Protein backbone atom coordinates (compact mmCIF):
# COMPACT_ATOMS: atom_id res chain seq x y z
CA MET A 1 12.55 9.76 -24.47
CA LEU A 2 11.16 6.63 -21.99
CA THR A 3 7.67 6.97 -21.01
CA LEU A 4 5.56 5.86 -18.41
CA GLU A 5 1.74 6.96 -18.36
CA ARG A 6 -0.36 5.44 -15.74
CA VAL A 7 2.10 2.26 -15.32
CA SER A 8 0.02 0.10 -12.84
CA LYS A 9 1.09 -3.35 -11.73
CA THR A 10 -0.59 -5.76 -9.03
CA TYR A 11 1.36 -9.25 -7.70
CA LYS A 12 -0.99 -13.00 -6.98
CA VAL A 13 -0.25 -13.76 -3.58
CA GLY A 14 -1.48 -15.28 -0.58
CA LEU A 15 -3.50 -19.01 -1.39
CA PHE A 16 -3.53 -20.34 -4.83
CA GLY A 17 -2.76 -16.29 -6.01
CA GLY A 18 -6.61 -15.02 -4.96
CA THR A 19 -5.77 -12.23 -2.80
CA ASP A 20 -4.12 -9.18 -5.27
CA LEU A 21 -1.55 -7.30 -4.32
CA PRO A 22 -1.06 -3.33 -5.69
CA ALA A 23 2.24 -2.45 -5.69
CA VAL A 24 2.21 0.51 -7.83
CA ARG A 25 -0.60 2.49 -9.01
CA ASP A 26 -0.91 4.65 -11.64
CA VAL A 27 2.49 6.49 -11.90
CA SER A 28 3.71 8.84 -15.15
CA PHE A 29 7.05 10.34 -15.64
CA SER A 30 8.98 10.22 -18.77
CA LEU A 31 13.00 10.45 -19.09
CA GLN A 32 14.80 12.06 -21.71
CA PRO A 33 19.03 12.09 -22.76
CA GLY A 34 20.58 12.99 -21.09
CA GLU A 35 18.19 13.48 -17.66
CA VAL A 36 19.41 11.73 -14.09
CA ILE A 37 15.57 11.48 -12.49
CA SER A 38 15.87 9.92 -9.39
CA LEU A 39 12.85 7.55 -8.09
CA ILE A 40 12.51 7.75 -4.17
CA GLY A 41 11.19 5.06 -1.55
CA GLU A 42 11.11 3.04 1.42
CA SER A 43 11.76 -0.58 0.47
CA GLY A 44 8.40 -2.15 -0.53
CA SER A 45 6.84 1.77 -2.34
CA GLY A 46 7.96 0.45 -5.57
CA LYS A 47 10.76 1.49 -6.82
CA SER A 48 12.22 -1.39 -8.24
CA THR A 49 9.16 -3.49 -10.42
CA ILE A 50 9.22 0.24 -11.44
CA GLY A 51 12.68 0.13 -13.39
CA LYS A 52 12.26 -3.83 -13.91
CA MET A 53 8.71 -3.24 -16.57
CA ILE A 54 11.49 -1.17 -17.99
CA LEU A 55 13.58 -3.33 -18.25
CA ARG A 56 10.30 -5.71 -18.88
CA LEU A 57 11.61 -8.11 -16.46
CA LEU A 58 8.24 -8.30 -15.32
CA SER A 59 3.86 -7.57 -17.17
CA VAL A 60 2.36 -4.06 -16.98
CA ASN A 61 -1.34 -4.77 -15.63
CA GLY A 62 -1.91 -1.72 -16.05
CA GLY A 63 -0.83 2.43 -18.35
CA THR A 64 1.39 1.51 -21.14
CA ILE A 65 5.66 1.94 -21.25
CA THR A 66 7.17 3.45 -24.19
CA HIS A 67 10.20 4.35 -26.00
CA ASP A 68 9.71 6.98 -28.89
CA GLY A 69 6.09 6.01 -28.64
CA THR A 70 6.35 2.58 -29.41
CA ASP A 71 4.93 1.01 -26.52
CA ILE A 72 7.20 -2.03 -25.06
CA ALA A 73 5.39 -4.77 -24.23
CA THR A 74 3.92 -4.11 -27.92
CA LEU A 75 8.43 -5.20 -29.05
CA ARG A 76 9.14 -9.30 -29.96
CA GLY A 77 12.66 -10.03 -31.88
CA PRO A 78 14.64 -8.33 -33.89
CA GLY A 79 12.58 -5.09 -32.42
CA LEU A 80 13.18 -6.70 -28.61
CA ARG A 81 16.99 -7.07 -29.48
CA SER A 82 17.31 -3.55 -30.20
CA TYR A 83 14.92 -2.20 -27.37
CA TYR A 84 18.43 -3.65 -24.95
CA GLN A 85 20.47 -1.76 -26.66
CA THR A 86 19.08 1.19 -25.93
CA VAL A 87 17.99 1.04 -22.84
CA GLN A 88 19.66 -2.12 -20.28
CA GLY A 89 20.08 -1.94 -16.41
CA VAL A 90 22.31 -2.49 -13.15
CA PHE A 91 21.72 -4.07 -10.13
CA GLN A 92 21.47 -3.41 -6.19
CA ASP A 93 24.13 -6.96 -5.68
CA PRO A 94 26.49 -7.00 -8.76
CA PHE A 95 28.33 -10.46 -7.65
CA SER A 96 24.45 -11.90 -8.74
CA SER A 97 24.91 -11.16 -12.44
CA PHE A 98 28.26 -13.21 -12.87
CA ASN A 99 28.32 -16.28 -13.50
CA PRO A 100 31.17 -17.26 -10.23
CA ILE A 101 32.29 -20.14 -13.01
CA PHE A 102 33.06 -18.35 -15.10
CA LYS A 103 35.55 -15.50 -15.15
CA ALA A 104 34.35 -11.91 -15.48
CA ASP A 105 35.12 -10.74 -18.97
CA HIS A 106 32.09 -13.66 -19.83
CA VAL A 107 29.27 -11.31 -19.48
CA PHE A 108 30.99 -8.82 -23.06
CA GLY A 109 31.11 -12.62 -24.65
CA LEU A 110 27.83 -13.05 -24.39
CA ILE A 111 27.96 -9.26 -26.00
CA ARG A 112 29.67 -10.12 -28.57
CA GLY A 113 27.70 -13.03 -29.56
CA VAL A 114 23.74 -11.30 -29.71
CA TYR A 115 25.32 -7.94 -31.15
CA PHE A 116 28.71 -7.92 -32.85
CA GLY A 117 28.78 -11.41 -34.16
CA SER A 118 30.63 -9.82 -37.26
CA ALA A 119 33.45 -7.76 -35.17
CA SER A 120 36.49 -8.82 -35.92
CA ALA A 121 38.26 -9.56 -32.57
CA ALA A 122 40.40 -7.11 -33.54
CA ASP A 123 37.90 -4.10 -33.57
CA TRP A 124 35.92 -5.88 -30.09
CA GLN A 125 39.52 -5.64 -28.07
CA ARG A 126 39.19 -1.50 -29.41
CA ARG A 127 35.38 -1.69 -28.27
CA LEU A 128 35.56 -3.42 -25.25
CA GLU A 129 39.28 -1.23 -24.00
CA ASP A 130 37.00 2.33 -24.86
CA ALA A 131 34.52 0.59 -22.47
CA LEU A 132 36.39 -0.24 -19.67
CA GLU A 133 38.71 3.36 -19.74
CA ALA A 134 35.23 5.24 -19.78
CA VAL A 135 34.93 3.45 -16.32
CA THR A 136 38.32 3.73 -15.06
CA LEU A 137 39.11 0.59 -15.29
CA ASP A 138 41.93 -1.12 -16.42
CA PRO A 139 41.47 -3.93 -18.72
CA ALA A 140 44.44 -5.98 -17.35
CA GLN A 141 43.26 -5.71 -13.99
CA VAL A 142 39.47 -6.98 -13.90
CA LEU A 143 40.10 -9.44 -17.00
CA HIS A 144 40.20 -12.19 -17.06
CA LYS A 145 39.90 -12.90 -13.22
CA TYR A 146 36.60 -13.96 -10.92
CA PRO A 147 34.02 -12.34 -9.57
CA HIS A 148 34.89 -13.45 -6.43
CA GLN A 149 38.82 -11.00 -7.09
CA LEU A 150 37.15 -8.46 -7.66
CA SER A 151 35.63 -6.15 -5.37
CA GLY A 152 31.68 -4.71 -5.74
CA GLY A 153 32.91 -1.89 -6.94
CA GLN A 154 35.07 -3.21 -10.41
CA LEU A 155 31.62 -5.71 -10.66
CA GLN A 156 29.14 -2.77 -11.53
CA ARG A 157 31.77 -0.74 -13.11
CA LEU A 158 31.86 -4.41 -15.58
CA LEU A 159 28.35 -3.73 -15.64
CA ILE A 160 27.92 -0.17 -16.65
CA ALA A 161 30.73 -0.54 -19.12
CA ARG A 162 28.54 -3.97 -20.16
CA ALA A 163 25.27 -0.88 -21.41
CA LEU A 164 28.77 0.68 -22.79
CA LEU A 165 28.97 -1.54 -25.27
CA LEU A 166 26.01 -1.66 -26.65
CA ASP A 167 25.36 2.87 -27.19
CA THR A 168 22.82 2.80 -23.98
CA ARG A 169 20.73 5.75 -24.34
CA TYR A 170 19.01 5.25 -21.02
CA LEU A 171 20.22 3.33 -18.13
CA VAL A 172 18.42 1.92 -14.94
CA ALA A 173 19.98 2.34 -11.52
CA ASP A 174 18.67 0.43 -9.11
CA GLU A 175 20.13 0.50 -5.82
CA ILE A 176 24.04 0.35 -7.44
CA ILE A 177 25.89 1.85 -4.66
CA SER A 178 23.83 -0.05 -0.90
CA MET A 179 26.89 -2.63 -1.49
CA LEU A 180 29.45 -0.35 -1.37
CA ASP A 181 31.38 1.01 1.74
CA ALA A 182 31.83 5.42 1.09
CA SER A 183 34.35 5.98 -0.05
CA THR A 184 32.99 3.37 -3.82
CA ARG A 185 30.04 4.72 -3.88
CA ILE A 186 31.70 8.92 -4.70
CA ASP A 187 33.59 7.17 -7.35
CA VAL A 188 29.46 5.07 -8.85
CA LEU A 189 28.33 8.44 -8.37
CA ASN A 190 31.00 10.43 -10.11
CA LEU A 191 31.21 8.30 -13.91
CA LEU A 192 27.41 7.72 -13.50
CA GLY A 193 27.43 11.40 -13.66
CA ASP A 194 29.75 11.38 -16.43
CA LEU A 195 27.72 9.34 -18.31
CA LYS A 196 24.64 11.78 -17.56
CA ALA A 197 27.24 14.62 -19.73
CA ARG A 198 27.40 12.27 -22.30
CA GLY A 199 23.92 11.91 -23.36
CA LEU A 200 22.83 9.22 -20.84
CA GLY A 201 19.71 8.92 -19.11
CA ILE A 202 19.24 7.27 -15.59
CA LEU A 203 16.48 6.36 -13.46
CA PHE A 204 17.60 6.84 -10.36
CA ILE A 205 16.92 4.07 -7.97
CA THR A 206 17.17 4.35 -4.68
CA HIS A 207 15.81 4.65 -0.91
CA ASP A 208 19.20 6.94 0.02
CA LEU A 209 17.69 10.86 -0.22
CA SER A 210 20.81 12.48 -0.09
CA LEU A 211 22.13 10.19 -2.57
CA GLY A 212 19.34 11.17 -4.38
CA ASN A 213 19.99 14.82 -3.98
CA TYR A 214 23.75 14.55 -4.37
CA ILE A 215 22.90 13.06 -8.12
CA SER A 216 19.61 14.07 -10.24
CA GLU A 217 18.03 17.07 -11.61
CA ARG A 218 13.67 16.04 -10.77
CA THR A 219 13.28 13.55 -8.40
CA VAL A 220 10.25 11.31 -7.69
CA ILE A 221 8.70 10.60 -4.90
CA LEU A 222 7.08 6.88 -4.15
CA ARG A 223 4.52 6.15 -1.28
CA ARG A 224 3.18 2.02 -1.34
CA GLY A 225 3.38 1.75 -5.33
CA ARG A 226 1.48 6.03 -6.12
CA ILE A 227 4.01 8.60 -6.28
CA VAL A 228 3.35 11.57 -3.96
CA GLU A 229 5.79 14.48 -4.54
CA MET A 230 7.98 14.92 -8.29
CA GLY A 231 9.41 17.79 -9.59
CA THR A 232 12.63 19.74 -9.49
CA THR A 233 14.78 18.17 -6.91
CA ALA A 234 15.89 21.94 -6.24
CA ALA A 235 12.19 22.36 -5.35
CA VAL A 236 11.35 19.37 -3.45
CA PHE A 237 14.84 18.96 -1.53
CA GLY A 238 14.12 22.15 -0.73
CA HIS A 239 10.17 23.02 -0.55
CA PRO A 240 8.67 19.31 0.23
CA ILE A 241 5.77 20.46 -0.67
CA HIS A 242 3.61 17.06 0.71
CA PRO A 243 4.48 16.17 5.27
CA TYR A 244 5.49 11.92 3.59
CA THR A 245 8.33 13.87 2.08
CA ARG A 246 9.05 16.45 4.95
CA MET A 247 9.16 13.54 7.51
CA LEU A 248 12.09 11.36 4.73
CA ILE A 249 14.07 14.37 4.04
CA ALA A 250 13.45 14.50 8.28
CA SER A 251 14.76 11.16 9.24
CA VAL A 252 18.46 11.66 7.28
CA PRO A 253 20.64 11.95 9.91
CA ARG A 254 22.95 14.29 9.99
CA LEU A 255 26.86 14.25 10.44
CA HIS A 256 26.82 17.64 13.09
CA GLU A 257 24.08 16.11 15.16
CA LYS A 258 24.08 13.06 18.04
CA TRP A 259 21.29 10.41 18.28
CA GLY A 260 19.76 12.14 21.34
CA GLN A 261 20.59 15.52 20.12
CA ILE A 262 17.48 14.63 17.26
CA ASP A 263 13.65 15.65 17.83
CA ALA A 264 12.66 12.23 19.21
CA GLY A 265 9.50 11.75 16.57
CA VAL A 266 11.70 12.34 13.93
CA ARG A 267 13.67 8.90 15.18
CA ALA A 268 11.34 7.38 15.03
CA GLY A 269 11.34 6.37 12.00
CA SER A 270 9.70 5.65 8.02
CA GLY A 271 5.55 4.71 10.13
CA TRP A 272 3.96 8.56 9.09
CA THR A 273 0.69 7.87 8.97
CA PRO A 274 -1.52 11.59 7.68
CA ALA A 275 -3.17 13.06 10.98
CA PRO A 276 -7.33 13.24 10.89
CA THR A 277 -6.57 17.41 10.24
CA GLU A 278 -3.26 16.98 8.42
CA PRO A 279 -3.47 20.37 5.20
CA CYS A 280 -4.14 19.00 1.76
CA ARG A 281 -3.02 20.78 -1.61
CA TYR A 282 -3.57 18.99 -3.95
CA HIS A 283 -7.55 18.45 -3.58
CA GLY A 284 -7.96 22.45 -1.53
CA ALA A 285 -6.63 23.38 -5.08
CA LEU A 286 -9.45 20.76 -6.82
CA PRO A 287 -12.63 22.42 -8.26
CA ASP A 288 -15.46 22.99 -4.71
CA GLY A 289 -17.38 19.18 -5.51
CA ALA A 290 -14.02 17.58 -7.03
CA THR A 291 -12.77 13.92 -5.44
CA GLY A 292 -9.55 13.49 -8.10
CA GLY A 293 -8.21 15.68 -11.58
CA SER A 294 -5.07 15.62 -12.61
CA LEU A 295 -5.31 19.72 -12.35
CA ALA A 296 -2.44 20.65 -15.23
CA GLY A 297 -0.85 17.21 -13.83
CA PRO A 298 0.10 13.68 -15.46
CA ALA A 299 -3.01 12.63 -16.90
CA GLY A 300 -4.63 10.09 -14.42
CA SER A 301 -1.40 10.94 -11.52
CA GLY A 302 -3.33 12.21 -9.48
CA LEU A 303 -0.86 14.84 -8.65
CA ALA A 304 -1.44 18.20 -9.08
CA GLU A 305 1.04 20.90 -9.88
CA LEU A 306 0.94 23.14 -6.74
CA GLU A 307 4.29 25.94 -7.65
CA ALA A 308 5.75 25.33 -11.40
CA GLY A 309 7.51 22.32 -12.42
CA HIS A 310 6.52 20.48 -8.15
CA PHE A 311 3.43 18.73 -8.15
CA ALA A 312 2.05 16.56 -5.51
CA GLY A 313 -0.58 14.12 -4.02
CA CYS A 314 -3.24 13.82 -1.23
CA VAL A 315 -2.59 13.25 1.57
CA ALA A 316 -4.47 10.62 2.87
CA PRO A 317 -6.14 9.26 -0.85
CA ARG A 318 -9.30 6.57 -0.07
CA ALA A 319 -10.56 4.07 -2.32
CA ASP A 320 -13.13 6.30 -3.78
CA GLY A 321 -10.37 9.59 -4.32
CA THR A 322 -11.70 11.63 -1.51
CA CYS A 323 -9.40 13.04 1.02
CA GLY A 324 -8.82 11.41 4.49
CA GLY A 325 -6.96 14.13 5.52
CA ARG A 326 -8.44 18.16 5.60
CA PRO A 327 -9.50 18.72 1.63
CA SER A 328 -9.99 22.39 2.72
CA VAL A 329 -7.09 24.07 2.36
CA THR A 330 -6.28 25.88 -0.58
CA ALA A 331 -3.06 26.03 -2.42
């Protein structure tokens, strides 16, 4: 299991790095093999930062990320190589993952040198062809070609095939659909569904709610680095508790409606701020006088289990843990 417990990340910004910019705050959730979790939020909400911390491309400032009980921050040498054999990432722009002066199969040669140095040429070729066929690519059509000769969808599938070569158990898929055309998007999403059925755990990072609803069993909604709602995808999309989640869902364009038919408040976009009288079910469910606590949510996460397996946070949390909305409303 891949577990995040109260994970936080702060960037140093400003002149000489004198200002702290919190990017992720007390994020807690777990990902298991054979499960797809959608991590959804607007730009700047901390989604990619979480993915990069899982992949150890960024360090964690607070909390822990553990893989089968081992803190990944402690991994070195062979332990770190073993971790990368289990956890891999695919990112938004597939072209940036390939060196344009090398042919596409160069990325597989790098994997072979590190993890399959003792494999015979025939065994390596069999492994490579099996991985490509698993992502519905014909080796003869994609190998020995330069990246610019392949489409974005083909390059994304090549990167997923690279992960499959390593017997990966977890895949961090960071906005891997956003640069693809509509027909290719559904192909890649269906591929992820097939990989899930084979036991791969996928963290599907996206700002597109429709894609998250299509592919995942569980959904995590981020706002300004905090989880504001978390639960089964059916619960989060079918009965959203947090007003920010409701705003996001209402903002999704609908195929059967024209722009002029949509309420002007929804068309205004994502500039949501809580109203002074916004009811806060999180603080309403806390014991009288309490300002914080997990209330059956993940420890220290600032979430309350307001329905079975359905968690939500404060509408307008202040720095001291009190609520800027209307905390007297009960669950």
